Amino acid sequence: MPMPSAMPLPTIITGFLLLILIPGIFSACNNREKDKFIHSQSAYFKAAAKQDVPLGPPQEGEWLFTHQEKGQTFEAYKAAHPVKPTAAQAVIYLLPVGEFTPLQLEILQAVTAYNTSFFQLSTILLPSLPDTGVPASAMRQQTDGNIQLLAPYLLDSLLRGKLPDDGIALLAISAKDLYPKNNWNYVFGLASYVNRVGISSIYRLQNKQLDTSNYQLCLSRLMKITTHEIGHMFTLHHCISARCVMNGTNSLAETDRTPIRLCTTCQKKLCWNFQFDSKKRLEQLIHFCRQHNLEAERMLLQADTQ
C-alpha cells in the first residue's frame, strides 16, 4: 500500500519519537524536583545518619543467615519506579478480620494513627470483616486448640476486590493465627505486593492473649509488622546494611530486636517518593510514642533530633 502523501515518512518518524520521549522527559524532570527536595533536607539526614547502627555478621537462626539478599540502595529505589500515592489513590487501609476484643480494637486504632504519621498518608481502619465464611479446607486446629487460618486463601479469596478505589495499600489483620501451607507451623503474614494487599495476624504478637500487661509490647510489634509490610508495598526491599524496621526477621525474637525506626537510607527513599517533611514526621512519631508510653521507642527516635 502506498504511503499517504499528506504524512511523509520523516514526519511519521518524528511524531513517533515524540510519543516515546515525552513521558521520559516528564519523569526525568519529576525526579530532578524530588532530588532537590531531598537536598533541602540534607541537614536532617546528616544528623539522623549518626544514629544508624550497621548490621553485624548474621547469626544462626537470623533472617540473613539463611537468606542471601542484595539489598536496595537509594539509587536503585529511585530507578525501580516505586509505587507512590496519587491524587486518586493516596489512602492506606487496615482491615480487621475476625472477632476482636475492645482492647484489641483499641490497639488497632492506635496502630492506624501510627501508620498515618509513619508514612505521612491518611490511614483508615475499616469495619471488621468476619472470618466465619472461611471454609474448613482453609483452616485447621492445633493440639492446643488454637484455630489457624490459611493465609493464601485469605489473600486470594477473602481480600480480593477489598482495596477501596482511593486506596494505595490494604493490610488485613487477622484475630486468628495464620499458616501458609500444611507443612508450616505458622506465618506472621503474607502479601501480594503487586496488588498492594497483605494479611497479617495479631495472635502471636500478643502472646496469644492481649491484656494490659503486654499491651505496649503488642503495640510495638504491630507497629513494626504493619510498617514493614506496607513498606514493601511501596517498593522498599529488605534493608541489609543497618538496623531498620525493614530488616527481614525469622522469628518473633528477631522482630523484638528490630527497631521501629527506618534507617536513614530507607527513610530517605520514602521521603524522596512521598515528598514529606522529615522533621515534622519525626516529631509526630515521638509524640505518638510519648502518648502510648513507649519509652524505649521514644528515646530511639528522639536521638535523631540530636
Protein backbone atom coordinates (compact mmCIF):
# COMPACT_ATOMS: atom_id res chain seq x y z
CA MET A 1 0.00 0.00 0.00
CA PRO A 2 1.41 3.44 -0.91
CA MET A 3 2.11 5.85 1.98
CA PRO A 4 -0.29 8.84 2.15
CA SER A 5 1.31 11.91 0.66
CA ALA A 6 -0.10 14.14 3.43
CA MET A 7 2.09 12.35 6.01
CA PRO A 8 5.62 11.93 4.66
CA LEU A 9 7.91 9.38 6.31
CA PRO A 10 10.13 11.86 8.23
CA THR A 11 7.04 13.35 9.92
CA ILE A 12 5.76 9.93 10.94
CA ILE A 13 9.11 9.04 12.50
CA THR A 14 9.41 12.37 14.30
CA GLY A 15 5.92 12.07 15.74
CA PHE A 16 6.62 8.50 16.88
CA LEU A 17 9.78 9.57 18.68
CA LEU A 18 7.95 12.35 20.50
CA LEU A 19 5.39 9.90 21.81
CA ILE A 20 8.21 7.84 23.28
CA LEU A 21 10.37 10.63 24.64
CA ILE A 22 7.84 12.94 26.26
CA PRO A 23 6.95 10.58 29.17
CA GLY A 24 10.66 10.06 29.78
CA ILE A 25 11.24 13.82 29.83
CA PHE A 26 8.41 14.33 32.32
CA SER A 27 9.78 11.52 34.52
CA ALA A 28 13.29 12.96 34.49
CA CYS A 29 12.00 16.43 35.38
CA ASN A 30 9.92 14.97 38.21
CA ASN A 31 12.92 13.08 39.57
CA ARG A 32 15.06 16.22 39.49
CA GLU A 33 12.44 18.03 41.56
CA LYS A 34 12.43 15.17 44.04
CA ASP A 35 16.23 15.27 44.22
CA LYS A 36 16.07 18.98 45.03
CA PHE A 37 13.51 18.30 47.74
CA ILE A 38 15.77 15.69 49.36
CA HIS A 39 18.75 18.05 49.12
CA SER A 40 16.77 20.69 51.00
CA GLN A 41 16.61 18.28 53.98
CA SER A 42 20.26 17.22 53.83
CA ALA A 43 21.00 18.66 57.29
CA TYR A 44 18.28 16.47 58.81
CA PHE A 45 19.53 13.31 57.11
CA LYS A 46 23.14 14.06 58.02
CA ALA A 47 22.18 14.29 61.70
CA ALA A 48 19.95 11.20 61.58
CA ALA A 49 22.64 9.12 59.86
CA LYS A 50 24.77 9.38 63.01
CA GLN A 51 22.19 7.16 64.74
CA ASP A 52 22.32 4.37 62.14
CA VAL A 53 23.69 1.13 63.59
CA PRO A 54 25.39 -1.12 61.00
CA LEU A 55 24.29 -4.76 60.94
CA GLY A 56 26.90 -7.20 62.16
CA PRO A 57 27.52 -10.67 60.70
CA PRO A 58 24.23 -12.64 60.77
CA GLN A 59 23.93 -15.24 63.49
CA GLU A 60 22.46 -18.70 63.06
CA GLY A 61 18.66 -18.51 63.10
CA GLU A 62 18.52 -14.92 61.87
CA TRP A 63 16.98 -13.91 58.55
CA LEU A 64 20.19 -13.02 56.74
CA PHE A 65 21.89 -16.23 57.89
CA THR A 66 19.69 -18.24 55.53
CA HIS A 67 18.58 -15.59 53.01
CA GLN A 68 21.13 -14.14 50.63
CA GLU A 69 19.81 -10.70 49.70
CA LYS A 70 21.32 -7.91 47.62
CA GLY A 71 19.63 -5.08 49.47
CA GLN A 72 18.48 -1.88 47.81
CA THR A 73 20.44 1.34 47.52
CA PHE A 74 18.82 4.75 47.35
CA GLU A 75 19.64 4.99 43.64
CA ALA A 76 18.23 1.51 42.99
CA TYR A 77 14.97 2.52 44.69
CA LYS A 78 14.68 5.60 42.51
CA ALA A 79 15.31 3.54 39.37
CA ALA A 80 12.65 0.99 40.35
CA HIS A 81 9.78 3.43 39.64
CA PRO A 82 8.40 2.85 43.15
CA VAL A 83 4.71 2.77 43.98
CA LYS A 84 3.69 6.26 45.01
CA PRO A 85 0.48 7.98 46.09
CA THR A 86 -1.51 9.92 43.52
CA ALA A 87 -4.41 12.33 43.70
CA ALA A 88 -6.76 9.38 43.08
CA GLN A 89 -5.04 6.78 45.29
CA ALA A 90 -3.41 8.01 48.49
CA VAL A 91 -5.05 6.21 51.43
CA ILE A 92 -3.68 3.27 53.42
CA TYR A 93 -6.35 0.91 54.73
CA LEU A 94 -6.15 -1.52 57.65
CA LEU A 95 -8.80 -4.24 57.74
CA PRO A 96 -9.54 -6.30 60.87
CA VAL A 97 -10.54 -9.88 60.02
CA GLY A 98 -12.43 -11.86 62.69
CA GLU A 99 -13.71 -11.02 66.17
CA PHE A 100 -11.69 -8.55 68.23
CA THR A 101 -11.97 -7.60 71.89
CA PRO A 102 -12.36 -3.91 72.82
CA LEU A 103 -8.69 -3.83 73.87
CA GLN A 104 -7.59 -5.36 70.55
CA LEU A 105 -9.64 -2.79 68.64
CA GLU A 106 -8.02 -0.07 70.72
CA ILE A 107 -4.58 -1.29 69.69
CA LEU A 108 -5.66 -1.42 66.02
CA GLN A 109 -6.86 2.19 66.26
CA ALA A 110 -3.52 3.17 67.79
CA VAL A 111 -1.50 1.48 65.05
CA THR A 112 -3.70 3.17 62.45
CA ALA A 113 -2.70 6.56 63.86
CA TYR A 114 0.94 5.45 63.92
CA ASN A 115 0.92 4.49 60.24
CA THR A 116 -0.58 7.86 59.37
CA SER A 117 2.46 9.55 60.92
CA PHE A 118 4.97 6.95 59.71
CA PHE A 119 4.03 7.21 56.03
CA GLN A 120 2.57 10.74 56.19
CA LEU A 121 -0.50 9.38 54.44
CA SER A 122 -4.08 9.12 55.63
CA THR A 123 -4.61 5.68 57.18
CA ILE A 124 -8.10 4.36 57.84
CA LEU A 125 -9.25 1.42 59.95
CA LEU A 126 -12.10 -0.31 58.14
CA PRO A 127 -15.00 -2.11 59.87
CA SER A 128 -14.16 -5.69 60.81
CA LEU A 129 -14.68 -8.40 58.23
CA PRO A 130 -15.96 -11.70 59.71
CA ASP A 131 -13.93 -14.85 59.17
CA THR A 132 -16.93 -17.16 59.62
CA GLY A 133 -17.10 -17.78 55.88
CA VAL A 134 -13.65 -19.39 55.73
CA PRO A 135 -14.22 -23.00 54.58
CA ALA A 136 -13.00 -25.98 56.58
CA SER A 137 -10.41 -26.66 53.87
CA ALA A 138 -8.74 -23.33 54.69
CA MET A 139 -8.45 -23.76 58.46
CA ARG A 140 -7.07 -26.22 60.97
CA GLN A 141 -6.96 -26.72 64.73
CA GLN A 142 -3.73 -27.28 66.64
CA THR A 143 -3.41 -29.73 69.53
CA ASP A 144 -3.64 -26.84 72.00
CA GLY A 145 -6.98 -25.80 70.49
CA ASN A 146 -5.55 -22.88 68.52
CA ILE A 147 -7.50 -22.38 65.28
CA GLN A 148 -5.38 -21.26 62.32
CA LEU A 149 -6.50 -19.81 59.01
CA LEU A 150 -4.81 -20.47 55.67
CA ALA A 151 -3.13 -17.19 54.73
CA PRO A 152 -3.12 -17.73 50.91
CA TYR A 153 -6.89 -18.33 50.98
CA LEU A 154 -7.49 -15.07 52.88
CA LEU A 155 -5.22 -13.21 50.50
CA ASP A 156 -6.62 -14.63 47.27
CA SER A 157 -10.30 -15.08 48.14
CA LEU A 158 -11.37 -13.12 51.21
CA LEU A 159 -9.44 -9.94 50.33
CA ARG A 160 -9.95 -9.98 46.58
CA GLY A 161 -11.52 -6.70 45.48
CA LYS A 162 -11.45 -5.23 49.00
CA LEU A 163 -8.94 -2.45 48.25
CA PRO A 164 -11.08 0.73 48.00
CA ASP A 165 -10.78 2.82 44.85
CA ASP A 166 -8.83 5.54 46.65
CA GLY A 167 -6.57 3.03 48.39
CA ILE A 168 -2.84 2.79 47.77
CA ALA A 169 -2.39 -0.21 50.11
CA LEU A 170 -4.55 -2.61 52.14
CA LEU A 171 -3.24 -4.64 55.07
CA ALA A 172 -5.67 -7.01 56.76
CA ILE A 173 -5.01 -8.05 60.36
CA SER A 174 -6.47 -11.38 61.47
CA ALA A 175 -7.55 -12.08 65.03
CA LYS A 176 -6.67 -15.75 64.48
CA ASP A 177 -3.31 -17.33 63.83
CA LEU A 178 -2.18 -17.93 60.23
CA TYR A 179 -0.38 -20.71 58.37
CA PRO A 180 0.92 -20.64 54.76
CA LYS A 181 0.71 -24.36 53.93
CA ASN A 182 0.20 -27.68 55.68
CA ASN A 183 3.83 -28.41 56.49
CA TRP A 184 4.42 -25.00 58.15
CA ASN A 185 3.66 -24.27 61.81
CA TYR A 186 2.59 -20.67 61.30
CA VAL A 187 3.37 -17.46 59.44
CA PHE A 188 3.29 -13.84 60.64
CA GLY A 189 1.74 -12.71 57.37
CA LEU A 190 1.58 -12.91 53.61
CA ALA A 191 1.28 -10.24 50.92
CA SER A 192 0.82 -9.65 47.22
CA TYR A 193 2.96 -6.57 46.72
CA VAL A 194 1.96 -6.27 43.06
CA ASN A 195 -1.69 -5.96 44.13
CA ARG A 196 -0.73 -3.91 47.24
CA VAL A 197 -2.71 -6.22 49.51
CA GLY A 198 -1.47 -8.17 52.54
CA ILE A 199 -2.65 -10.18 55.54
CA SER A 200 -1.04 -10.35 58.98
CA SER A 201 -2.14 -11.57 62.41
CA ILE A 202 -2.23 -10.12 65.90
CA TYR A 203 -2.39 -13.57 67.52
CA ARG A 204 1.32 -14.23 68.14
CA LEU A 205 2.16 -10.56 68.64
CA GLN A 206 0.04 -10.53 71.80
CA ASN A 207 1.50 -13.78 73.17
CA LYS A 208 -1.84 -15.43 72.29
CA GLN A 209 -3.92 -13.15 74.53
CA LEU A 210 -3.86 -9.36 74.86
CA ASP A 211 -4.17 -7.71 78.26
CA THR A 212 -2.89 -4.58 79.96
CA SER A 213 0.38 -6.30 80.93
CA ASN A 214 1.50 -6.91 77.33
CA TYR A 215 -0.32 -4.03 75.60
CA GLN A 216 2.80 -1.93 74.90
CA LEU A 217 4.77 -4.96 73.69
CA CYS A 218 1.99 -5.98 71.29
CA LEU A 219 1.60 -2.40 70.05
CA SER A 220 5.33 -2.09 69.37
CA ARG A 221 5.34 -5.40 67.47
CA LEU A 222 2.29 -4.44 65.42
CA MET A 223 3.86 -1.07 64.60
CA LYS A 224 6.88 -2.93 63.19
CA ILE A 225 4.88 -5.56 61.29
CA THR A 226 2.44 -3.13 59.66
CA THR A 227 5.04 -0.54 58.60
CA HIS A 228 7.35 -3.29 57.31
CA GLU A 229 4.68 -4.94 55.17
CA ILE A 230 3.25 -1.67 53.88
CA GLY A 231 6.81 -0.51 53.22
CA HIS A 232 7.18 -3.46 50.85
CA MET A 233 4.00 -2.33 49.08
CA PHE A 234 5.77 0.98 48.46
CA THR A 235 8.67 -0.89 46.81
CA LEU A 236 11.03 -0.91 49.80
CA HIS A 237 13.21 -4.04 49.87
CA HIS A 238 14.68 -5.64 52.98
CA CYS A 239 17.41 -3.50 54.47
CA ILE A 240 20.70 -5.37 54.89
CA SER A 241 23.04 -2.53 55.87
CA ALA A 242 21.72 -1.10 59.16
CA ARG A 243 19.33 -1.88 61.98
CA CYS A 244 16.00 -0.89 60.46
CA VAL A 245 12.32 -1.77 60.59
CA MET A 246 12.79 -3.05 57.03
CA ASN A 247 15.18 -5.79 58.22
CA GLY A 248 13.91 -9.28 57.45
CA THR A 249 13.11 -11.40 60.51
CA ASN A 250 12.83 -15.16 61.03
CA SER A 251 11.19 -15.17 64.45
CA LEU A 252 9.31 -13.11 67.00
CA ALA A 253 12.53 -12.80 68.99
CA GLU A 254 14.27 -11.28 65.96
CA THR A 255 11.31 -8.97 65.42
CA ASP A 256 11.63 -7.81 69.03
CA ARG A 257 15.29 -6.95 68.42
CA THR A 258 14.38 -4.96 65.31
CA PRO A 259 13.87 -1.21 65.88
CA ILE A 260 10.70 0.65 64.90
CA ARG A 261 12.95 3.18 63.17
CA LEU A 262 13.73 3.33 59.48
CA CYS A 263 17.45 3.67 58.86
CA THR A 264 18.39 6.94 57.17
CA THR A 265 18.69 5.41 53.69
CA CYS A 266 15.25 3.77 53.84
CA GLN A 267 13.67 6.90 55.27
CA LYS A 268 15.31 8.91 52.51
CA LYS A 269 13.70 6.62 49.92
CA LEU A 270 10.21 7.28 51.26
CA CYS A 271 10.88 10.99 51.67
CA TRP A 272 12.07 11.23 48.05
CA ASN A 273 9.00 9.35 46.83
CA PHE A 274 6.33 10.94 49.06
CA GLN A 275 7.84 14.43 49.48
CA PHE A 276 7.18 14.76 53.21
CA ASP A 277 8.80 16.97 55.84
CA SER A 278 11.11 14.56 57.71
CA LYS A 279 11.43 16.71 60.80
CA LYS A 280 7.66 17.09 61.12
CA ARG A 281 7.26 13.32 60.63
CA LEU A 282 9.79 12.59 63.36
CA GLU A 283 8.07 14.96 65.80
CA GLN A 284 4.75 13.20 65.20
CA LEU A 285 6.28 9.75 65.78
CA ILE A 286 7.93 10.91 69.02
CA HIS A 287 4.62 12.37 70.18
CA PHE A 288 2.86 9.07 69.43
CA CYS A 289 5.38 7.09 71.48
CA ARG A 290 5.05 9.53 74.37
CA GLN A 291 1.25 9.25 74.27
CA HIS A 292 1.37 5.45 74.38
CA ASN A 293 4.12 5.08 76.99
CA LEU A 294 6.59 3.54 74.55
CA GLU A 295 9.63 4.97 76.30
CA ALA A 296 12.36 2.90 74.65
CA GLU A 297 10.92 3.63 71.22
CA ARG A 298 10.61 7.34 72.02
CA MET A 299 14.23 7.57 73.13
CA LEU A 300 15.37 5.80 69.96
CA LEU A 301 13.54 8.31 67.75
CA GLN A 302 14.49 11.27 69.92
CA ALA A 303 18.16 10.57 69.21
CA ASP A 304 17.57 11.52 65.57
CA THR A 305 16.99 15.12 66.65
CA GLN A 306 20.46 15.44 68.17
